[in-house]
Protein backbone atom coordinates (compact mmCIF):
# COMPACT_ATOMS: atom_id res chain seq x y z
CA MET A 1 166.03 -50.91 -153.54
CA ASN A 2 165.68 -54.63 -154.20
CA ARG A 3 168.54 -55.89 -156.37
CA PRO A 4 169.13 -59.40 -157.71
CA PRO A 5 171.71 -61.66 -156.07
CA ILE A 6 175.20 -61.41 -157.53
CA GLN A 7 178.39 -63.46 -157.34
CA LEU A 8 182.00 -62.31 -157.41
CA ILE A 9 185.32 -64.11 -157.55
CA ASP A 10 187.12 -63.67 -154.21
CA SER A 11 190.32 -62.25 -155.71
CA GLU A 12 188.35 -59.89 -157.99
CA ALA A 13 186.23 -58.66 -155.09
CA ASP A 14 189.36 -57.64 -153.17
CA MET A 15 190.95 -56.00 -156.21
CA LEU A 16 187.74 -54.15 -157.14
CA ALA A 17 187.26 -52.92 -153.56
CA ASN A 18 190.78 -51.49 -153.56
CA LEU A 19 190.14 -49.90 -156.97
CA ALA A 20 186.84 -48.38 -155.81
CA ILE A 21 188.47 -46.94 -152.68
CA SER A 22 191.31 -45.49 -154.75
CA VAL A 23 188.87 -43.43 -156.89
CA GLU A 24 186.52 -42.41 -154.08
CA GLN A 25 187.47 -38.72 -154.30
CA ARG A 26 187.48 -38.55 -158.11
CA LEU A 27 184.47 -40.79 -158.86
CA PRO A 28 182.35 -40.84 -155.69
CA GLN A 29 179.14 -42.18 -157.32
CA VAL A 30 180.83 -45.13 -159.05
CA SER A 31 183.01 -45.85 -156.02
CA GLU A 32 179.95 -46.07 -153.76
CA LEU A 33 177.95 -48.17 -156.25
CA LEU A 34 180.80 -50.63 -156.72
CA LEU A 35 181.54 -50.92 -152.99
CA ASP A 36 177.83 -51.54 -152.31
CA GLU A 37 177.76 -54.31 -154.92
CA ILE A 38 180.88 -55.95 -153.50
CA ALA A 39 179.41 -55.81 -149.99
CA ARG A 40 176.20 -57.59 -151.00
CA ALA A 41 177.80 -60.17 -153.32
CA GLU A 42 178.22 -63.85 -152.65
CA VAL A 43 182.01 -64.18 -152.89
CA ARG A 44 183.28 -67.48 -154.30
CA ARG A 45 186.45 -69.10 -155.64
CA ALA A 46 186.97 -68.65 -159.40
CA GLY A 47 186.24 -72.32 -160.11
CA ASP A 48 182.88 -72.05 -158.32
CA ILE A 49 181.54 -69.14 -160.40
CA PRO A 50 178.98 -70.30 -162.99
CA ARG A 51 179.83 -69.66 -166.66
CA ASP A 52 176.87 -67.29 -167.08
CA VAL A 53 178.07 -64.77 -164.47
CA VAL A 54 179.63 -61.45 -165.51
CA ILE A 55 183.23 -61.34 -164.25
CA MET A 56 186.13 -59.11 -165.26
CA GLY A 57 187.02 -59.67 -168.91
CA THR A 58 183.59 -61.11 -169.73
CA THR A 59 181.78 -60.12 -172.90
CA VAL A 60 178.17 -59.35 -172.03
CA GLU A 61 175.15 -58.50 -174.14
CA PHE A 62 172.53 -56.44 -172.35
CA VAL A 63 169.56 -54.24 -173.08
CA SER A 64 168.46 -51.03 -171.42
CA ASP A 65 164.72 -51.49 -170.98
CA SER A 66 164.11 -47.73 -170.95
CA THR A 67 165.76 -47.11 -174.34
CA GLY A 68 165.51 -50.56 -175.90
CA GLN A 69 169.19 -50.22 -176.85
CA HIS A 70 171.10 -53.52 -177.08
CA ARG A 71 174.84 -53.37 -176.35
CA THR A 72 177.59 -55.94 -176.34
CA VAL A 73 180.64 -54.94 -174.32
CA GLN A 74 183.65 -56.45 -172.61
CA LEU A 75 184.03 -55.47 -168.93
CA VAL A 76 187.63 -54.36 -168.28
CA LEU A 77 189.86 -52.47 -165.87
CA PRO A 78 190.15 -48.70 -166.46
CA GLN A 79 193.55 -48.93 -168.18
CA ASP A 80 192.08 -51.35 -170.77
CA GLU A 81 188.99 -49.26 -171.57
CA ASP A 82 188.40 -48.65 -175.27
CA ILE A 83 184.83 -47.56 -175.99
CA SER A 84 185.32 -47.70 -179.77
CA ASN A 85 186.18 -51.41 -179.46
CA GLY A 86 183.42 -52.21 -176.97
CA ARG A 87 185.60 -52.39 -173.86
CA ILE A 88 184.02 -50.54 -170.92
CA SER A 89 185.58 -49.86 -167.57
CA ILE A 90 184.34 -51.31 -164.31
CA LEU A 91 184.62 -47.68 -163.10
CA THR A 92 181.63 -46.54 -165.16
CA PRO A 93 178.10 -46.69 -163.78
CA VAL A 94 177.06 -49.39 -166.26
CA GLY A 95 180.28 -51.37 -165.68
CA ALA A 96 179.73 -51.38 -161.92
CA GLY A 97 176.13 -52.48 -162.53
CA LEU A 98 177.04 -55.43 -164.73
CA ILE A 99 179.58 -57.15 -162.48
CA GLY A 100 178.28 -60.31 -160.82
CA LEU A 101 174.98 -60.53 -162.71
CA ARG A 102 173.87 -63.71 -164.52
CA GLU A 103 172.16 -64.25 -167.85
CA GLY A 104 168.47 -63.50 -167.48
CA GLN A 105 168.85 -61.16 -164.52
CA SER A 106 167.81 -57.51 -164.51
CA ILE A 107 168.82 -54.67 -162.24
CA MET A 108 167.57 -51.14 -161.71
CA TRP A 109 170.71 -49.04 -162.04
CA PRO A 110 171.56 -45.33 -162.23
CA ASP A 111 173.22 -43.78 -165.27
CA ARG A 112 175.82 -40.99 -165.06
CA GLY A 113 173.02 -38.49 -164.51
CA GLY A 114 171.55 -40.50 -161.62
CA ARG A 115 168.42 -41.63 -163.52
CA GLU A 116 167.44 -45.25 -162.84
CA HIS A 117 167.19 -47.67 -165.78
CA ARG A 118 166.51 -51.38 -165.90
CA ILE A 119 169.47 -53.27 -167.38
CA SER A 120 168.73 -56.85 -168.47
CA ILE A 121 171.48 -59.38 -169.17
CA LEU A 122 170.87 -61.29 -172.40
CA ARG A 123 174.12 -63.23 -172.87
CA VAL A 124 177.40 -63.74 -170.99
CA ASP A 125 180.56 -65.05 -172.64
CA GLN A 126 183.44 -65.81 -170.29
CA THR A 127 185.64 -67.16 -173.12
CA THR A 128 187.02 -63.63 -173.59
CA VAL A 129 188.44 -63.64 -170.05
CA THR A 130 192.24 -63.80 -169.92
CA ALA A 131 193.89 -65.37 -166.91
């Protein structure tokens, strides 16, 4: 499967790898997807990540090409997840698929049922990221 290039912050990559490994037994699909993304990412210092890249805490607007549904969500750690307020966990299939993408990029990505959908990034807002 040909996926677009992605970028991760070095400290986030390490933290996300540890998180993915910690849920390997409970969430094997998401753990594997996230570890695969981390392994293929270009890992950079925080100051070298462009402002249009999805990082933890980013608010991102995307569209599922198969359904046409537009969503705007904030990508968060599992303990901060709150679907009703638009905060989705990195440990969901869509959360793992969004990390590292840039505005304008698309990725073929499985949903919880394993069906592939194209997710296209429309807008990235890093101003919601807290240090």
